[in-house]
């Protein structure tokens, strides 16, 4: 069984142009992500899928493997699907190219969900939510699951809503969901069977996907199961803005007297 991780990377980020080439203590963001992915034990191959020769050159320079893809893909999933059509693979892991503190154990957990259940088309991860402000944030995607651990719904809203009486407000309900350990944050890493990924990429967007701005709702709309593997700990920092980049630089700052 060929298990491949693909890291989609595009140059034209609106909030941080050239983001994959951003420097973090002498290494590019894309190199930092690639190094974290190499820590996973279940992978046979790691590819960077990009539409930009500057990114491709940087990846080749540190010894990574690159696939050049079309610059016209609307989403990273579409870029991933183009790359998958060009390679041999049974399971494909979609790794976000902006998380230089990614835990490679999460990759292995998502892959093992598929290798352990031959009928499962795709998997992803979740982490516990412990902060009310994070629970209420629309930039943080929440997920609820069924008894088998398959996703029931993903939302930018604070789900589940815990009823505490007629006078309870949204903040109180969110706090109670956290106390009851019902609040889970979705981690945007996916493992797919090859045929499931290609089917997913070919499906039309769904109304809920367009309303929430969440691609994974397209899969649920069309009856595809998504196993959500629970993880512990805290999520890393995704680099979306110059401020995020400075935060990551501070967190990854090498200790004095050592080389990074």
Protein backbone atom coordinates (compact mmCIF):
# COMPACT_ATOMS: atom_id res chain seq x y z
CA UNK A 1 0.00 0.00 0.00
CA UNK A 2 1.53 3.31 -1.12
CA UNK A 3 0.97 6.09 1.41
CA UNK A 4 1.89 9.58 0.22
CA UNK A 5 1.79 12.96 1.95
CA UNK A 6 1.21 15.94 -0.31
CA UNK A 7 1.77 19.52 0.84
CA UNK A 8 -0.08 22.01 -1.39
CA UNK A 9 1.81 25.31 -1.56
CA UNK A 10 0.95 28.42 -3.54
CA UNK A 11 2.82 31.69 -3.78
CA UNK A 12 -0.11 34.10 -4.13
CA UNK A 13 -1.36 34.29 -0.54
CA UNK A 14 -3.55 37.38 -0.08
CA UNK A 15 -2.50 38.19 3.48
CA UNK A 16 1.12 37.04 3.22
CA UNK A 17 2.43 36.92 -0.39
CA UNK A 18 5.15 34.33 -0.92
CA UNK A 19 4.18 32.69 2.37
CA UNK A 20 5.84 29.27 1.75
CA UNK A 21 9.21 31.02 1.30
CA UNK A 22 8.94 33.07 4.50
CA UNK A 23 12.14 32.78 6.52
CA UNK A 24 12.08 31.19 9.97
CA UNK A 25 15.60 31.30 11.41
CA UNK A 26 17.35 30.39 8.19
CA UNK A 27 14.79 27.92 6.85
CA UNK A 28 11.72 28.57 4.72
CA UNK A 29 8.24 27.87 6.04
CA UNK A 30 7.80 25.07 3.50
CA UNK A 31 11.04 23.45 4.63
CA UNK A 32 9.92 23.62 8.26
CA UNK A 33 6.64 21.91 7.38
CA UNK A 34 8.43 19.28 5.26
CA UNK A 35 10.76 18.45 8.15
CA UNK A 36 7.82 17.94 10.49
CA UNK A 37 6.09 15.66 7.98
CA UNK A 38 9.25 13.56 7.72
CA UNK A 39 8.75 12.66 11.38
CA UNK A 40 5.68 10.55 10.51
CA UNK A 41 6.38 6.81 10.43
CA UNK A 42 3.56 5.67 8.12
CA UNK A 43 4.57 7.54 4.94
CA UNK A 44 6.32 6.17 1.88
CA UNK A 45 6.70 9.49 0.07
CA UNK A 46 6.38 13.24 0.61
CA UNK A 47 5.59 15.67 -2.21
CA UNK A 48 5.12 19.42 -2.41
CA UNK A 49 2.47 20.39 -4.99
CA UNK A 50 2.94 23.98 -6.15
CA UNK A 51 2.13 26.28 -9.05
CA UNK A 52 5.25 28.41 -8.60
CA UNK A 53 8.79 27.73 -9.79
CA UNK A 54 10.28 29.77 -6.94
CA UNK A 55 8.70 27.42 -4.40
CA UNK A 56 9.71 24.40 -6.48
CA UNK A 57 13.33 25.59 -6.57
CA UNK A 58 13.38 26.12 -2.80
CA UNK A 59 12.02 22.61 -2.18
CA UNK A 60 14.55 21.02 -4.53
CA UNK A 61 17.32 22.96 -2.78
CA UNK A 62 16.62 21.23 0.55
CA UNK A 63 16.19 17.83 -1.12
CA UNK A 64 12.40 17.67 -1.32
CA UNK A 65 10.31 16.29 -4.17
CA UNK A 66 8.06 18.64 -6.16
CA UNK A 67 5.11 18.36 -8.51
CA UNK A 68 4.24 21.46 -10.53
CA UNK A 69 0.48 21.95 -10.83
CA UNK A 70 -1.89 24.38 -12.51
CA UNK A 71 -2.08 27.95 -11.14
CA UNK A 72 -5.86 27.99 -11.64
CA UNK A 73 -7.03 25.68 -8.84
CA UNK A 74 -9.59 27.34 -6.56
CA UNK A 75 -8.68 25.16 -3.53
CA UNK A 76 -5.83 23.10 -2.16
CA UNK A 77 -7.99 19.98 -2.61
CA UNK A 78 -8.15 20.59 -6.36
CA UNK A 79 -4.36 20.99 -6.46
CA UNK A 80 -4.06 17.76 -4.46
CA UNK A 81 -6.31 15.89 -6.89
CA UNK A 82 -4.20 16.97 -9.88
CA UNK A 83 -1.06 15.76 -8.12
CA UNK A 84 -2.66 12.43 -7.20
CA UNK A 85 -3.56 11.73 -10.84
CA UNK A 86 0.16 11.90 -11.67
CA UNK A 87 1.45 9.44 -9.04
CA UNK A 88 0.87 5.96 -7.69
CA UNK A 89 -0.87 6.06 -4.32
CA UNK A 90 -3.41 4.17 -2.24
CA UNK A 91 -3.71 6.64 0.66
CA UNK A 92 -3.02 10.35 0.34
CA UNK A 93 -2.50 12.73 3.26
CA UNK A 94 -3.27 16.40 2.67
CA UNK A 95 -0.92 18.39 4.89
CA UNK A 96 -1.42 22.13 5.30
CA UNK A 97 1.68 23.97 4.12
CA UNK A 98 1.43 26.71 6.75
CA UNK A 99 1.87 24.72 9.98
CA UNK A 100 5.57 24.56 10.87
CA UNK A 101 4.77 23.13 14.32
CA UNK A 102 2.69 20.23 12.99
CA UNK A 103 2.72 17.10 15.16
CA UNK A 104 3.74 14.19 12.88
CA UNK A 105 1.91 11.78 15.20
CA UNK A 106 -1.34 13.26 13.87
CA UNK A 107 -0.43 12.15 10.36
CA UNK A 108 0.14 8.61 11.58
CA UNK A 109 -3.17 8.63 13.49
CA UNK A 110 -5.13 9.74 10.42
CA UNK A 111 -3.43 7.13 8.23
CA UNK A 112 -4.02 4.31 10.72
CA UNK A 113 -7.73 5.13 10.80
CA UNK A 114 -7.85 4.17 7.10
CA UNK A 115 -5.54 1.17 7.26
CA UNK A 116 -7.59 -0.16 10.19
CA UNK A 117 -10.96 0.24 8.44
CA UNK A 118 -10.95 -0.77 4.75
CA UNK A 119 -14.40 0.73 4.20
CA UNK A 120 -13.50 4.20 5.42
CA UNK A 121 -13.00 6.81 2.66
CA UNK A 122 -11.32 9.61 4.62
CA UNK A 123 -10.19 10.72 8.06
CA UNK A 124 -9.19 13.85 9.92
CA UNK A 125 -8.31 14.96 13.47
CA UNK A 126 -9.73 16.89 16.41
CA UNK A 127 -8.38 18.42 19.61
CA UNK A 128 -10.15 19.37 22.84
CA UNK A 129 -11.31 22.97 23.18
CA UNK A 130 -10.56 24.47 26.58
CA UNK A 131 -11.07 28.22 26.10
CA UNK A 132 -14.44 29.95 25.75
CA UNK A 133 -13.07 32.67 23.46
CA UNK A 134 -11.65 30.06 21.11
CA UNK A 135 -14.94 28.16 21.21
CA UNK A 136 -16.79 31.33 20.21
CA UNK A 137 -14.35 32.32 17.46
CA UNK A 138 -15.66 31.91 13.91
CA UNK A 139 -12.10 31.33 12.68
CA UNK A 140 -11.93 28.10 14.71
CA UNK A 141 -13.81 25.17 13.18
CA UNK A 142 -15.67 22.92 15.62
CA UNK A 143 -16.75 19.32 15.00
CA UNK A 144 -19.22 16.88 16.56
CA UNK A 145 -19.20 13.13 15.94
CA UNK A 146 -21.38 10.04 16.23
CA UNK A 147 -20.78 6.91 18.32
CA UNK A 148 -18.33 5.51 15.74
CA UNK A 149 -16.30 8.72 15.71
CA UNK A 150 -17.56 9.81 12.29
CA UNK A 151 -18.32 13.48 11.73
CA UNK A 152 -21.90 14.62 12.15
CA UNK A 153 -21.16 18.26 11.38
CA UNK A 154 -18.42 20.88 11.18
CA UNK A 155 -19.17 24.51 11.96
CA UNK A 156 -17.66 27.89 12.66
CA UNK A 157 -20.37 28.30 15.29
CA UNK A 158 -19.82 26.99 18.84
CA UNK A 159 -21.27 23.47 18.62
CA UNK A 160 -22.71 21.69 20.49
CA UNK A 161 -25.05 24.18 22.12
CA UNK A 162 -25.68 23.01 25.70
CA UNK A 163 -29.12 24.05 26.95
CA UNK A 164 -29.03 25.52 30.45
CA UNK A 165 -32.49 27.01 30.66
CA UNK A 166 -34.29 29.82 28.89
CA UNK A 167 -31.99 32.54 30.20
CA UNK A 168 -28.70 30.91 29.16
CA UNK A 169 -26.70 32.78 26.52
CA UNK A 170 -24.25 31.51 23.91
CA UNK A 171 -21.20 32.13 26.11
CA UNK A 172 -22.68 30.13 28.99
CA UNK A 173 -23.57 27.30 26.62
CA UNK A 174 -20.04 27.29 25.18
CA UNK A 175 -18.53 27.22 28.68
CA UNK A 176 -20.71 24.25 29.60
CA UNK A 177 -19.74 22.36 26.43
CA UNK A 178 -16.11 22.80 27.42
CA UNK A 179 -16.76 21.66 31.00
CA UNK A 180 -18.56 18.55 29.73
CA UNK A 181 -15.66 17.84 27.33
CA UNK A 182 -17.97 18.01 24.35
CA UNK A 183 -16.17 20.86 22.60
CA UNK A 184 -13.71 19.72 19.91
CA UNK A 185 -11.61 21.75 17.51
CA UNK A 186 -11.16 20.40 13.99
CA UNK A 187 -7.57 20.03 12.80
CA UNK A 188 -7.38 20.58 9.05
CA UNK A 189 -5.32 17.54 8.13
CA UNK A 190 -6.96 14.83 6.00
CA UNK A 191 -6.11 11.32 4.88
CA UNK A 192 -8.00 9.97 1.85
CA UNK A 193 -8.19 6.79 -0.12
CA UNK A 194 -7.14 7.76 -3.63
CA UNK A 195 -10.54 7.08 -5.18
CA UNK A 196 -12.31 9.00 -2.39
CA UNK A 197 -10.15 12.07 -2.94
CA UNK A 198 -10.79 12.06 -6.68
CA UNK A 199 -14.53 11.64 -6.09
CA UNK A 200 -14.55 14.43 -3.51
CA UNK A 201 -12.73 16.82 -5.85
CA UNK A 202 -15.22 16.07 -8.64
CA UNK A 203 -18.35 16.75 -6.57
CA UNK A 204 -20.19 20.08 -6.84
CA UNK A 205 -20.08 22.43 -3.84
CA UNK A 206 -22.96 22.05 -1.39
CA UNK A 207 -25.11 24.86 0.06
CA UNK A 208 -23.77 24.29 3.59
CA UNK A 209 -20.19 24.29 2.32
CA UNK A 210 -20.75 27.64 0.66
CA UNK A 211 -22.56 29.04 3.71
CA UNK A 212 -19.86 28.07 6.23
CA UNK A 213 -16.87 28.24 3.90
CA UNK A 214 -15.90 24.66 4.82
CA UNK A 215 -15.01 22.19 2.05
CA UNK A 216 -15.48 19.11 4.24
CA UNK A 217 -19.23 19.78 4.38
CA UNK A 218 -19.33 18.85 0.68
CA UNK A 219 -18.23 15.33 1.62
CA UNK A 220 -20.92 15.00 4.30
CA UNK A 221 -23.57 16.43 1.97
CA UNK A 222 -22.80 13.71 -0.58
CA UNK A 223 -22.80 10.88 1.99
CA UNK A 224 -19.05 10.40 2.45
CA UNK A 225 -18.01 9.30 5.94
CA UNK A 226 -15.24 11.24 7.67
CA UNK A 227 -13.64 9.55 10.66
CA UNK A 228 -12.51 12.16 13.20
CA UNK A 229 -9.58 10.82 15.22
CA UNK A 230 -9.36 12.49 18.65
CA UNK A 231 -5.95 13.77 19.68
CA UNK A 232 -4.76 15.36 22.91
CA UNK A 233 -2.60 18.40 23.46
CA UNK A 234 -2.64 21.80 21.79
CA UNK A 235 -2.64 22.75 18.13
CA UNK A 236 0.31 24.48 16.53
CA UNK A 237 0.27 27.97 15.07
CA UNK A 238 -0.81 28.27 11.44
CA UNK A 239 0.91 31.06 9.52
CA UNK A 240 -1.75 33.16 7.79
CA UNK A 241 -0.55 36.71 8.48
CA UNK A 242 2.72 38.59 9.18
CA UNK A 243 1.74 38.59 12.86
CA UNK A 244 1.41 34.78 12.83
CA UNK A 245 4.85 34.55 11.24
CA UNK A 246 6.41 36.65 14.00
CA UNK A 247 4.71 34.49 16.63
CA UNK A 248 6.10 31.32 15.08
CA UNK A 249 9.56 32.86 14.85
CA UNK A 250 9.40 33.63 18.57
CA UNK A 251 8.20 30.11 19.45
CA UNK A 252 10.88 28.45 17.33
CA UNK A 253 13.68 30.80 18.30
CA UNK A 254 16.85 28.72 18.84
CA UNK A 255 18.38 28.81 22.29
CA UNK A 256 21.39 31.05 22.70
CA UNK A 257 24.58 29.22 21.85
CA UNK A 258 22.89 26.57 19.71
CA UNK A 259 22.34 26.26 15.97
CA UNK A 260 18.81 25.80 14.61
